[in-house]
Amino acid sequence: MTPPRSDRRGFALLGVLWIIIALGVSAIAVARLTYRAIASAQGEKDRVTGRWRAEGCIARVRAVSDAVLSENPSRARDRWISLDSIVEVDSAATLLGCDVTVQTDGRPVLARASSAELDSLPGMTPEAVAKILQLRLTSPPLTDLIRVAAALSPVARAVLDASYAQLSRRLAAEPDAWVVRSRAHFGEPPTPVNVEARFVRAGTRAALVRWVEW
């Protein structure tokens, strides 16, 4: 028995509706995949742009370092000791788009070590620590233990002299190295990129010895 024409029309309409639904679901799935691909590509673009910014800030710090070291070669060591202060002054106007930190790396530095760091070293009596802190307030920067010893009492000088060889190995006259960390943010939401570089002084230049990105 042949179904009535109205029933056949109903089945056809129902089939069309199911096809429309299937096409709609497929379209939504394709749209989601496309959105994810675009978002992934945009995220990678933001990450690359952020990396360029972070690397640019590191390059600027190195350029500033080379400039101040070569400006007066006889004072290169003094400038190297206070490099973080010099970069801080420059960064306010030039290091845009990234956050930069500059920290010493290596042994404590005679002209920068804290009281606690000095006190932990051999041969450092309370008098010697106090004298170092006092001599730092004068010019030129304190870089020589002999200058410290000459200002001590005979007893404190004898203690310092007895540990001089060991102390000179554990206390630096200038920073062994500077570690510069640059963090850039780009995009919405921001994609953070970090770059870390380690520099040592090579005469009147800041020589790069380590580079890490993450």
N, C-alpha and C. Protein backbone atom coordinates (compact mmCIF):
# COMPACT_ATOMS: atom_id res chain seq x y z
N MET A 1 0.85 -1.20 0.00
CA MET A 1 0.00 0.00 0.00
C MET A 1 0.88 1.24 0.00
N THR A 2 0.64 2.12 -0.90
CA THR A 2 1.44 3.34 -1.02
C THR A 2 1.01 4.38 0.01
N PRO A 3 2.04 4.98 0.79
CA PRO A 3 1.66 5.98 1.80
C PRO A 3 1.04 7.18 1.13
N PRO A 4 0.17 7.82 1.85
CA PRO A 4 -0.45 9.04 1.31
C PRO A 4 0.62 10.07 0.97
N ARG A 5 0.26 10.92 -0.02
CA ARG A 5 1.22 11.94 -0.46
C ARG A 5 1.64 12.86 0.69
N SER A 6 0.78 13.16 1.60
CA SER A 6 1.10 14.05 2.72
C SER A 6 2.16 13.43 3.63
N ASP A 7 2.10 12.09 3.80
CA ASP A 7 3.10 11.42 4.64
C ASP A 7 4.47 11.49 3.98
N ARG A 8 4.48 11.29 2.64
CA ARG A 8 5.76 11.34 1.94
C ARG A 8 6.38 12.73 2.05
N ARG A 9 5.52 13.74 1.96
CA ARG A 9 6.03 15.10 2.13
C ARG A 9 6.59 15.33 3.54
N GLY A 10 5.96 14.75 4.51
CA GLY A 10 6.43 14.89 5.90
C GLY A 10 7.80 14.25 6.09
N PHE A 11 7.96 13.04 5.52
CA PHE A 11 9.25 12.38 5.62
C PHE A 11 10.34 13.20 4.92
N ALA A 12 10.02 13.73 3.76
CA ALA A 12 11.00 14.53 3.02
C ALA A 12 11.39 15.78 3.80
N LEU A 13 10.41 16.42 4.40
CA LEU A 13 10.69 17.61 5.20
C LEU A 13 11.55 17.28 6.40
N LEU A 14 11.23 16.14 7.02
CA LEU A 14 12.02 15.72 8.18
C LEU A 14 13.48 15.43 7.76
N GLY A 15 13.64 14.79 6.58
CA GLY A 15 14.99 14.52 6.09
C GLY A 15 15.76 15.80 5.82
N VAL A 16 15.05 16.77 5.23
CA VAL A 16 15.70 18.06 4.97
C VAL A 16 16.13 18.74 6.27
N LEU A 17 15.25 18.66 7.28
CA LEU A 17 15.59 19.27 8.58
C LEU A 17 16.83 18.61 9.18
N TRP A 18 16.91 17.29 9.09
CA TRP A 18 18.08 16.60 9.63
C TRP A 18 19.35 16.98 8.86
N ILE A 19 19.22 17.14 7.57
CA ILE A 19 20.39 17.56 6.77
C ILE A 19 20.83 18.96 7.18
N ILE A 20 19.85 19.85 7.39
CA ILE A 20 20.17 21.22 7.82
C ILE A 20 20.87 21.21 9.17
N ILE A 21 20.36 20.37 10.10
CA ILE A 21 20.97 20.28 11.43
C ILE A 21 22.40 19.76 11.32
N ALA A 22 22.60 18.71 10.50
CA ALA A 22 23.94 18.14 10.33
C ALA A 22 24.90 19.18 9.75
N LEU A 23 24.42 19.93 8.75
CA LEU A 23 25.26 20.96 8.16
C LEU A 23 25.59 22.06 9.17
N GLY A 24 24.59 22.39 10.02
CA GLY A 24 24.83 23.41 11.03
C GLY A 24 25.87 22.97 12.05
N VAL A 25 25.75 21.69 12.49
CA VAL A 25 26.73 21.16 13.44
C VAL A 25 28.12 21.15 12.82
N SER A 26 28.20 20.74 11.54
CA SER A 26 29.49 20.72 10.85
C SER A 26 30.07 22.13 10.74
N ALA A 27 29.19 23.08 10.43
CA ALA A 27 29.65 24.47 10.31
C ALA A 27 30.19 24.99 11.62
N ILE A 28 29.51 24.64 12.73
CA ILE A 28 29.97 25.08 14.05
C ILE A 28 31.33 24.46 14.38
N ALA A 29 31.47 23.17 14.06
CA ALA A 29 32.74 22.49 14.33
C ALA A 29 33.87 23.11 13.53
N VAL A 30 33.60 23.40 12.25
CA VAL A 30 34.61 24.03 11.41
C VAL A 30 34.96 25.42 11.94
N ALA A 31 33.94 26.15 12.37
CA ALA A 31 34.17 27.49 12.91
C ALA A 31 35.05 27.45 14.15
N ARG A 32 34.77 26.46 15.02
CA ARG A 32 35.57 26.32 16.24
C ARG A 32 37.02 26.00 15.90
N LEU A 33 37.21 25.06 14.96
CA LEU A 33 38.57 24.71 14.56
C LEU A 33 39.29 25.91 13.95
N THR A 34 38.57 26.67 13.15
CA THR A 34 39.15 27.85 12.53
C THR A 34 39.54 28.89 13.58
N TYR A 35 38.64 29.08 14.56
CA TYR A 35 38.91 30.04 15.64
C TYR A 35 40.15 29.64 16.43
N ARG A 36 40.23 28.33 16.73
CA ARG A 36 41.39 27.85 17.48
C ARG A 36 42.68 28.04 16.69
N ALA A 37 42.61 27.77 15.39
CA ALA A 37 43.80 27.95 14.55
C ALA A 37 44.23 29.41 14.50
N ILE A 38 43.23 30.29 14.36
CA ILE A 38 43.54 31.73 14.33
C ILE A 38 44.11 32.18 15.67
N ALA A 39 43.49 31.71 16.78
CA ALA A 39 43.96 32.09 18.11
C ALA A 39 45.38 31.58 18.34
N SER A 40 45.65 30.35 17.88
CA SER A 40 47.00 29.79 18.04
C SER A 40 48.01 30.59 17.24
N ALA A 41 47.64 30.95 16.01
CA ALA A 41 48.55 31.74 15.17
C ALA A 41 48.78 33.12 15.78
N GLN A 42 47.71 33.71 16.32
CA GLN A 42 47.84 35.03 16.95
C GLN A 42 48.72 34.94 18.19
N GLY A 43 48.54 33.85 18.97
CA GLY A 43 49.36 33.67 20.17
C GLY A 43 50.83 33.52 19.83
N GLU A 44 51.11 32.78 18.77
CA GLU A 44 52.50 32.62 18.34
C GLU A 44 53.07 33.95 17.84
N LYS A 45 52.23 34.71 17.13
CA LYS A 45 52.68 36.03 16.67
C LYS A 45 52.98 36.94 17.86
N ASP A 46 52.10 36.93 18.87
CA ASP A 46 52.33 37.74 20.07
C ASP A 46 53.59 37.31 20.80
N ARG A 47 53.82 35.98 20.85
CA ARG A 47 55.00 35.47 21.54
C ARG A 47 56.27 35.92 20.82
N VAL A 48 56.26 35.86 19.49
CA VAL A 48 57.43 36.29 18.72
C VAL A 48 57.67 37.78 18.89
N THR A 49 56.58 38.56 18.85
CA THR A 49 56.72 40.01 19.04
C THR A 49 57.24 40.32 20.44
N GLY A 50 56.73 39.60 21.44
CA GLY A 50 57.22 39.80 22.80
C GLY A 50 58.69 39.44 22.94
N ARG A 51 59.10 38.36 22.25
CA ARG A 51 60.50 37.96 22.31
C ARG A 51 61.39 39.03 21.69
N TRP A 52 60.93 39.61 20.58
CA TRP A 52 61.70 40.69 19.96
C TRP A 52 61.86 41.86 20.92
N ARG A 53 60.78 42.19 21.61
CA ARG A 53 60.85 43.30 22.56
C ARG A 53 61.82 42.99 23.69
N ALA A 54 61.71 41.79 24.25
CA ALA A 54 62.58 41.41 25.36
C ALA A 54 64.04 41.40 24.92
N GLU A 55 64.30 40.85 23.73
CA GLU A 55 65.67 40.83 23.21
C GLU A 55 66.17 42.24 22.93
N GLY A 56 65.26 43.11 22.46
CA GLY A 56 65.64 44.49 22.20
C GLY A 56 66.06 45.21 23.46
N CYS A 57 65.38 44.94 24.57
CA CYS A 57 65.74 45.57 25.84
C CYS A 57 67.09 45.07 26.33
N ILE A 58 67.36 43.76 26.16
CA ILE A 58 68.67 43.23 26.52
C ILE A 58 69.76 43.90 25.68
N ALA A 59 69.49 44.05 24.39
CA ALA A 59 70.46 44.69 23.50
C ALA A 59 70.73 46.13 23.93
N ARG A 60 69.68 46.82 24.38
CA ARG A 60 69.84 48.20 24.82
C ARG A 60 70.71 48.26 26.08
N VAL A 61 70.49 47.34 27.01
CA VAL A 61 71.31 47.31 28.23
C VAL A 61 72.78 47.08 27.86
N ARG A 62 73.02 46.17 26.92
CA ARG A 62 74.40 45.91 26.51
C ARG A 62 75.02 47.13 25.85
N ALA A 63 74.24 47.82 25.02
CA ALA A 63 74.75 49.02 24.36
C ALA A 63 75.11 50.09 25.38
N VAL A 64 74.26 50.26 26.38
CA VAL A 64 74.54 51.24 27.44
C VAL A 64 75.79 50.84 28.20
N SER A 65 75.93 49.54 28.50
CA SER A 65 77.10 49.06 29.22
C SER A 65 78.38 49.35 28.45
N ASP A 66 78.37 49.03 27.16
CA ASP A 66 79.56 49.28 26.34
C ASP A 66 79.88 50.77 26.27
N ALA A 67 78.84 51.59 26.20
CA ALA A 67 79.05 53.03 26.09
C ALA A 67 79.70 53.60 27.34
N VAL A 68 79.20 53.21 28.51
CA VAL A 68 79.74 53.78 29.75
C VAL A 68 81.12 53.20 30.08
N LEU A 69 81.37 51.95 29.67
CA LEU A 69 82.67 51.34 29.93
C LEU A 69 83.76 51.96 29.06
N SER A 70 83.42 52.26 27.81
CA SER A 70 84.40 52.79 26.87
C SER A 70 84.56 54.31 26.95
N GLU A 71 83.62 54.97 27.62
CA GLU A 71 83.67 56.43 27.70
C GLU A 71 84.95 56.90 28.37
N ASN A 72 85.33 56.21 29.44
CA ASN A 72 86.56 56.55 30.16
C ASN A 72 87.20 55.24 30.61
N PRO A 73 88.08 54.66 29.79
CA PRO A 73 88.65 53.35 30.11
C PRO A 73 89.28 53.25 31.49
N SER A 74 89.85 54.33 31.99
CA SER A 74 90.48 54.29 33.31
C SER A 74 89.47 54.12 34.44
N ARG A 75 88.21 54.39 34.14
CA ARG A 75 87.16 54.24 35.15
C ARG A 75 86.18 53.11 34.81
N ALA A 76 86.59 52.25 33.89
CA ALA A 76 85.70 51.18 33.46
C ALA A 76 85.28 50.28 34.62
N ARG A 77 86.22 49.97 35.52
CA ARG A 77 85.87 49.12 36.66
C ARG A 77 84.87 49.80 37.58
N ASP A 78 85.05 51.08 37.83
CA ASP A 78 84.11 51.81 38.68
C ASP A 78 82.71 51.81 38.06
N ARG A 79 82.63 52.00 36.75
CA ARG A 79 81.33 51.99 36.08
C ARG A 79 80.70 50.59 36.12
N TRP A 80 81.53 49.58 35.99
CA TRP A 80 81.03 48.20 36.04
C TRP A 80 80.43 47.88 37.40
N ILE A 81 81.04 48.41 38.45
CA ILE A 81 80.54 48.17 39.81
C ILE A 81 79.14 48.72 40.00
N SER A 82 78.86 49.86 39.40
CA SER A 82 77.55 50.52 39.57
C SER A 82 76.68 50.42 38.32
N LEU A 83 76.86 49.37 37.54
CA LEU A 83 76.15 49.25 36.27
C LEU A 83 74.63 49.24 36.46
N ASP A 84 74.14 48.60 37.50
CA ASP A 84 72.69 48.54 37.70
C ASP A 84 72.08 49.92 37.88
N SER A 85 72.78 50.82 38.60
CA SER A 85 72.28 52.19 38.78
C SER A 85 72.28 52.95 37.47
N ILE A 86 73.30 52.73 36.66
CA ILE A 86 73.38 53.40 35.36
C ILE A 86 72.25 52.94 34.45
N VAL A 87 72.00 51.64 34.42
CA VAL A 87 70.93 51.09 33.59
C VAL A 87 69.57 51.57 34.07
N GLU A 88 69.41 51.68 35.39
CA GLU A 88 68.13 52.13 35.94
C GLU A 88 67.79 53.54 35.48
N VAL A 89 68.78 54.41 35.44
CA VAL A 89 68.56 55.78 34.97
C VAL A 89 68.19 55.79 33.50
N ASP A 90 68.87 54.97 32.71
CA ASP A 90 68.61 54.93 31.27
C ASP A 90 67.28 54.26 30.94
N SER A 91 66.90 53.25 31.73
CA SER A 91 65.74 52.43 31.39
C SER A 91 64.42 53.19 31.45
N ALA A 92 64.36 54.21 32.28
CA ALA A 92 63.11 54.95 32.42
C ALA A 92 62.66 55.55 31.10
N ALA A 93 63.62 55.90 30.24
CA ALA A 93 63.27 56.56 28.99
C ALA A 93 63.39 55.66 27.77
N THR A 94 64.19 54.61 27.86
CA THR A 94 64.50 53.84 26.65
C THR A 94 64.03 52.40 26.66
N LEU A 95 63.90 51.77 27.82
CA LEU A 95 63.52 50.36 27.86
C LEU A 95 62.00 50.25 27.94
N LEU A 96 61.35 50.47 26.81
CA LEU A 96 59.90 50.48 26.74
C LEU A 96 59.37 49.13 26.29
N GLY A 97 58.26 48.71 26.87
CA GLY A 97 57.63 47.47 26.46
C GLY A 97 58.13 46.24 27.16
N CYS A 98 59.02 46.39 28.15
CA CYS A 98 59.51 45.24 28.90
C CYS A 98 59.98 45.67 30.29
N ASP A 99 59.99 44.70 31.20
CA ASP A 99 60.48 44.92 32.55
C ASP A 99 61.89 44.33 32.65
N VAL A 100 62.85 45.14 33.08
CA VAL A 100 64.24 44.71 33.12
C VAL A 100 64.77 44.76 34.54
N THR A 101 65.45 43.70 34.95
CA THR A 101 66.16 43.68 36.23
C THR A 101 67.63 43.37 35.96
N VAL A 102 68.50 44.01 36.73
CA VAL A 102 69.95 43.82 36.58
C VAL A 102 70.51 43.47 37.95
N GLN A 103 71.15 42.30 38.06
CA GLN A 103 71.66 41.83 39.34
C GLN A 103 73.07 41.27 39.18
N THR A 104 73.87 41.43 40.23
CA THR A 104 75.21 40.86 40.20
C THR A 104 75.12 39.34 40.31
N ASP A 105 76.13 38.68 39.79
CA ASP A 105 76.18 37.22 39.83
C ASP A 105 77.61 36.81 40.16
N GLY A 106 77.75 35.97 41.18
CA GLY A 106 79.09 35.54 41.56
C GLY A 106 79.41 35.90 43.00
N ARG A 107 80.66 36.18 43.25
CA ARG A 107 81.11 36.46 44.61
C ARG A 107 80.60 37.82 45.12
N PRO A 108 80.52 37.98 46.46
CA PRO A 108 80.20 39.31 47.00
C PRO A 108 81.25 40.32 46.54
N VAL A 109 80.82 41.55 46.34
CA VAL A 109 81.70 42.60 45.85
C VAL A 109 82.02 43.56 47.00
N LEU A 110 83.29 43.88 47.15
CA LEU A 110 83.74 44.72 48.27
C LEU A 110 82.95 46.01 48.36
N ALA A 111 82.66 46.63 47.24
CA ALA A 111 81.97 47.92 47.25
C ALA A 111 80.45 47.79 47.34
N ARG A 112 79.92 46.56 47.36
CA ARG A 112 78.47 46.38 47.33
C ARG A 112 77.94 45.39 48.36
N ALA A 113 78.77 44.53 48.88
CA ALA A 113 78.31 43.46 49.78
C ALA A 113 77.61 44.03 51.01
N SER A 114 76.59 43.31 51.47
CA SER A 114 75.86 43.73 52.67
C SER A 114 76.70 43.44 53.91
N SER A 115 76.27 44.00 55.03
CA SER A 115 76.97 43.76 56.30
C SER A 115 76.99 42.28 56.63
N ALA A 116 75.86 41.61 56.38
CA ALA A 116 75.78 40.17 56.68
C ALA A 116 76.74 39.38 55.80
N GLU A 117 76.85 39.74 54.53
CA GLU A 117 77.78 39.05 53.63
C GLU A 117 79.22 39.26 54.06
N LEU A 118 79.55 40.49 54.42
CA LEU A 118 80.91 40.78 54.88
C LEU A 118 81.23 40.04 56.17
N ASP A 119 80.28 40.04 57.08
CA ASP A 119 80.49 39.42 58.39
C ASP A 119 80.72 37.91 58.28
N SER A 120 80.20 37.30 57.21
CA SER A 120 80.35 35.85 57.04
C SER A 120 81.70 35.45 56.46
N LEU A 121 82.51 36.41 56.04
CA LEU A 121 83.79 36.13 55.40
C LEU A 121 84.92 36.02 56.42
N PRO A 122 85.93 35.23 56.14
CA PRO A 122 87.05 35.09 57.08
C PRO A 122 87.84 36.38 57.21
N GLY A 123 88.29 36.67 58.42
CA GLY A 123 89.10 37.85 58.66
C GLY A 123 88.32 39.13 58.85
N MET A 124 86.99 39.05 58.75
CA MET A 124 86.17 40.24 58.86
C MET A 124 85.67 40.41 60.30
N THR A 125 86.37 41.25 61.05
CA THR A 125 85.94 41.59 62.39
C THR A 125 84.85 42.65 62.31
N PRO A 126 84.10 42.87 63.39
CA PRO A 126 83.11 43.96 63.38
C PRO A 126 83.74 45.31 63.02
N GLU A 127 84.98 45.51 63.46
CA GLU A 127 85.66 46.77 63.12
C GLU A 127 85.91 46.87 61.62
N ALA A 128 86.33 45.77 61.02
CA ALA A 128 86.61 45.77 59.58
C ALA A 128 85.34 46.01 58.77
N VAL A 129 84.23 45.38 59.18
CA VAL A 129 82.97 45.57 58.48
C VAL A 129 82.53 47.03 58.58
N ALA A 130 82.62 47.59 59.77
CA ALA A 130 82.22 48.98 59.96
C ALA A 130 83.10 49.92 59.14
N LYS A 131 84.38 49.61 59.07
CA LYS A 131 85.30 50.47 58.32
C LYS A 131 85.01 50.41 56.82
N ILE A 132 84.68 49.23 56.32
CA ILE A 132 84.34 49.10 54.91
C ILE A 132 83.10 49.94 54.58
N LEU A 133 82.09 49.84 55.42
CA LEU A 133 80.87 50.62 55.19
C LEU A 133 81.17 52.11 55.22
N GLN A 134 82.10 52.51 56.09
CA GLN A 134 82.47 53.93 56.18
C GLN A 134 83.24 54.37 54.94
N LEU A 135 84.19 53.55 54.49
CA LEU A 135 85.01 53.91 53.34
C LEU A 135 84.20 53.96 52.05
N ARG A 136 83.10 53.24 52.00
CA ARG A 136 82.25 53.27 50.80
C ARG A 136 81.65 54.65 50.57
N LEU A 137 81.55 55.43 51.62
CA LEU A 137 80.94 56.75 51.50
C LEU A 137 81.91 57.76 50.89
N THR A 138 83.17 57.37 50.74
CA THR A 138 84.16 58.27 50.18
C THR A 138 84.40 57.92 48.72
N SER A 139 85.18 58.72 48.05
CA SER A 139 85.52 58.49 46.65
C SER A 139 87.03 58.31 46.55
N PRO A 140 87.52 57.44 45.67
CA PRO A 140 86.83 56.62 44.66
C PRO A 140 86.20 55.38 45.27
N PRO A 141 85.47 54.59 44.46
CA PRO A 141 84.84 53.37 44.98
C PRO A 141 85.86 52.44 45.62
N LEU A 142 85.44 51.76 46.65
CA LEU A 142 86.32 50.87 47.40
C LEU A 142 86.52 49.57 46.62
N THR A 143 87.76 49.31 46.21
CA THR A 143 88.05 48.10 45.43
C THR A 143 89.26 47.34 45.96
N ASP A 144 89.89 47.84 47.03
CA ASP A 144 91.15 47.24 47.49
C ASP A 144 91.11 46.99 48.99
N LEU A 145 91.40 45.75 49.38
CA LEU A 145 91.45 45.42 50.81
C LEU A 145 92.62 46.09 51.52
N ILE A 146 93.66 46.43 50.78
CA ILE A 146 94.81 47.11 51.39
C ILE A 146 94.38 48.45 51.97
N ARG A 147 93.51 49.12 51.28
CA ARG A 147 92.98 50.40 51.77
C ARG A 147 92.20 50.20 53.05
N VAL A 148 91.49 49.08 53.15
CA VAL A 148 90.75 48.76 54.36
C VAL A 148 91.71 48.46 55.50
N ALA A 149 92.70 47.61 55.23
CA ALA A 149 93.65 47.21 56.27
C ALA A 149 94.40 48.42 56.84
N ALA A 150 94.73 49.38 55.97
CA ALA A 150 95.48 50.56 56.43
C ALA A 150 94.68 51.41 57.40
N ALA A 151 93.34 51.28 57.37
CA ALA A 151 92.49 52.10 58.23
C ALA A 151 92.08 51.39 59.52
N LEU A 152 92.55 50.16 59.73
CA LEU A 152 92.15 49.38 60.90
C LEU A 152 93.15 49.52 62.04
N SER A 153 92.69 49.15 63.22
CA SER A 153 93.57 49.07 64.39
C SER A 153 94.53 47.91 64.19
N PRO A 154 95.66 47.89 64.92
CA PRO A 154 96.63 46.79 64.75
C PRO A 154 96.02 45.41 64.95
N VAL A 155 95.13 45.26 65.91
CA VAL A 155 94.54 43.95 66.18
C VAL A 155 93.65 43.52 65.01
N ALA A 156 92.75 44.40 64.57
CA ALA A 156 91.85 44.06 63.47
C ALA A 156 92.62 43.86 62.17
N ARG A 157 93.72 44.63 62.00
CA ARG A 157 94.54 44.48 60.79
C ARG A 157 95.23 43.12 60.78
N ALA A 158 95.69 42.67 61.95
CA ALA A 158 96.34 41.37 62.03
C ALA A 158 95.38 40.24 61.68
N VAL A 159 94.13 40.35 62.13
CA VAL A 159 93.13 39.33 61.81
C VAL A 159 92.85 39.31 60.31
N LEU A 160 92.75 40.50 59.73
CA LEU A 160 92.49 40.60 58.29
C LEU A 160 93.67 40.05 57.49
N ASP A 161 94.88 40.40 57.90
CA ASP A 161 96.07 39.95 57.18
C ASP A 161 96.21 38.43 57.23
N ALA A 162 95.83 37.84 58.36
CA ALA A 162 95.96 36.39 58.51
C ALA A 162 95.05 35.64 57.55
N SER A 163 93.95 36.24 57.16
CA SER A 163 92.99 35.60 56.25
C SER A 163 92.98 36.24 54.87
N TYR A 164 94.00 37.06 54.57
CA TYR A 164 93.97 37.84 53.34
C TYR A 164 93.90 36.96 52.09
N ALA A 165 94.68 35.89 52.04
CA ALA A 165 94.70 35.05 50.84
C ALA A 165 93.34 34.41 50.60
N GLN A 166 92.74 33.89 51.66
CA GLN A 166 91.42 33.26 51.52
C GLN A 166 90.36 34.31 51.22
N LEU A 167 90.47 35.45 51.87
CA LEU A 167 89.48 36.51 51.69
C LEU A 167 89.51 37.07 50.27
N SER A 168 90.69 37.21 49.71
CA SER A 168 90.82 37.77 48.36
C SER A 168 90.22 36.84 47.31
N ARG A 169 90.12 35.54 47.62
CA ARG A 169 89.49 34.61 46.68
C ARG A 169 87.97 34.62 46.79
N ARG A 170 87.47 34.96 47.96
CA ARG A 170 86.03 34.90 48.19
C ARG A 170 85.33 36.25 48.07
N LEU A 171 86.10 37.33 47.98
CA LEU A 171 85.53 38.67 47.88
C LEU A 171 86.08 39.33 46.63
N ALA A 172 85.18 39.82 45.78
CA ALA A 172 85.60 40.39 44.49
C ALA A 172 85.73 41.90 44.57
N ALA A 173 86.68 42.43 43.79
CA ALA A 173 86.84 43.88 43.70
C ALA A 173 85.78 44.50 42.81
N GLU A 174 85.23 43.72 41.90
CA GLU A 174 84.16 44.16 41.01
C GLU A 174 83.27 42.97 40.71
N PRO A 175 82.05 43.19 40.25
CA PRO A 175 81.15 42.06 39.97
C PRO A 175 81.76 41.06 38.99
N ASP A 176 81.70 39.77 39.34
CA ASP A 176 82.15 38.74 38.41
C ASP A 176 81.33 38.78 37.13
N ALA A 177 80.05 39.08 37.29
CA ALA A 177 79.15 39.14 36.13
C ALA A 177 77.88 39.87 36.53
N TRP A 178 77.17 40.33 35.50
CA TRP A 178 75.83 40.90 35.69
C TRP A 178 74.84 40.02 34.94
N VAL A 179 73.72 39.72 35.60
CA VAL A 179 72.64 38.97 34.96
C VAL A 179 71.51 39.94 34.67
N VAL A 180 71.15 40.04 33.41
CA VAL A 180 70.09 40.94 32.97
C VAL A 180 68.89 40.09 32.57
N ARG A 181 67.75 40.34 33.20
CA ARG A 181 66.51 39.62 32.87
C ARG A 181 65.51 40.60 32.28
N SER A 182 64.96 40.23 31.15
CA SER A 182 63.98 41.08 30.45
C SER A 182 62.69 40.29 30.28
N ARG A 183 61.58 40.89 30.69
CA ARG A 183 60.27 40.24 30.57
C ARG A 183 59.36 41.17 29.78
N ALA A 184 58.85 40.66 28.67
CA ALA A 184 57.98 41.46 27.80
C ALA A 184 56.59 40.86 27.77
N HIS A 185 55.58 41.70 27.61
CA HIS A 185 54.19 41.28 27.50
C HIS A 185 53.62 41.86 26.22
N PHE A 186 52.94 41.01 25.45
CA PHE A 186 52.33 41.52 24.23
C PHE A 186 51.08 40.72 23.92
N GLY A 187 50.08 41.39 23.36
CA GLY A 187 48.86 40.71 22.97
C GLY A 187 47.76 40.85 24.00
N GLU A 188 46.60 40.29 23.69
CA GLU A 188 45.44 40.32 24.58
C GLU A 188 44.75 38.96 24.55
N PRO A 189 44.86 38.16 25.63
CA PRO A 189 45.57 38.47 26.87
C PRO A 189 47.08 38.49 26.65
N PRO A 190 47.81 39.18 27.53
CA PRO A 190 49.26 39.32 27.34
C PRO A 190 49.96 37.97 27.34
N THR A 191 50.90 37.81 26.43
CA THR A 191 51.73 36.61 26.35
C THR A 191 53.11 36.96 26.90
N PRO A 192 53.48 36.47 28.10
CA PRO A 192 54.78 36.84 28.67
C PRO A 192 55.93 36.08 28.02
N VAL A 193 57.03 36.77 27.79
CA VAL A 193 58.25 36.18 27.25
C VAL A 193 59.42 36.66 28.11
N ASN A 194 60.28 35.73 28.50
CA ASN A 194 61.42 36.05 29.36
C ASN A 194 62.73 35.75 28.65
N VAL A 195 63.67 36.67 28.80
CA VAL A 195 65.01 36.48 28.26
C VAL A 195 66.01 36.82 29.37
N GLU A 196 67.01 35.96 29.53
CA GLU A 196 68.05 36.21 30.54
C GLU A 196 69.41 36.15 29.88
N ALA A 197 70.24 37.15 30.16
CA ALA A 197 71.59 37.20 29.60
C ALA A 197 72.59 37.45 30.72
N ARG A 198 73.74 36.79 30.62
CA ARG A 198 74.80 36.98 31.61
C ARG A 198 75.99 37.63 30.92
N PHE A 199 76.45 38.74 31.50
CA PHE A 199 77.54 39.50 30.91
C PHE A 199 78.73 39.55 31.87
N VAL A 200 79.92 39.46 31.33
CA VAL A 200 81.15 39.69 32.10
C VAL A 200 81.89 40.85 31.44
N ARG A 201 82.73 41.51 32.22
CA ARG A 201 83.48 42.64 31.66
C ARG A 201 84.72 42.13 30.94
N ALA A 202 84.87 42.58 29.70
CA ALA A 202 86.06 42.28 28.90
C ALA A 202 86.69 43.61 28.53
N GLY A 203 87.47 44.17 29.44
CA GLY A 203 88.06 45.49 29.21
C GLY A 203 86.99 46.56 29.26
N THR A 204 86.71 47.16 28.10
CA THR A 204 85.70 48.22 28.02
C THR A 204 84.44 47.73 27.31
N ARG A 205 84.21 46.41 27.36
CA ARG A 205 83.03 45.83 26.74
C ARG A 205 82.32 44.90 27.71
N ALA A 206 81.02 44.74 27.48
CA ALA A 206 80.24 43.75 28.22
C ALA A 206 80.11 42.53 27.33
N ALA A 207 80.79 41.45 27.69
CA ALA A 207 80.81 40.24 26.85
C ALA A 207 79.69 39.29 27.28
N LEU A 208 78.91 38.85 26.32
CA LEU A 208 77.80 37.91 26.57
C LEU A 208 78.36 36.50 26.72
N VAL A 209 78.01 35.84 27.84
CA VAL A 209 78.50 34.47 28.06
C VAL A 209 77.35 33.48 28.24
N ARG A 210 76.12 33.97 28.39
CA ARG A 210 74.98 33.05 28.51
C ARG A 210 73.71 33.75 28.05
N TRP A 211 72.85 32.98 27.36
CA TRP A 211 71.59 33.53 26.85
C TRP A 211 70.52 32.46 27.01
N VAL A 212 69.43 32.77 27.71
CA VAL A 212 68.36 31.80 27.94
C VAL A 212 67.03 32.50 27.66
N GLU A 213 66.11 31.79 27.00
CA GLU A 213 64.77 32.30 26.73
C GLU A 213 63.74 31.29 27.20
N TRP A 214 62.61 31.79 27.72
CA TRP A 214 61.51 30.92 28.07
C TRP A 214 60.19 31.69 28.07
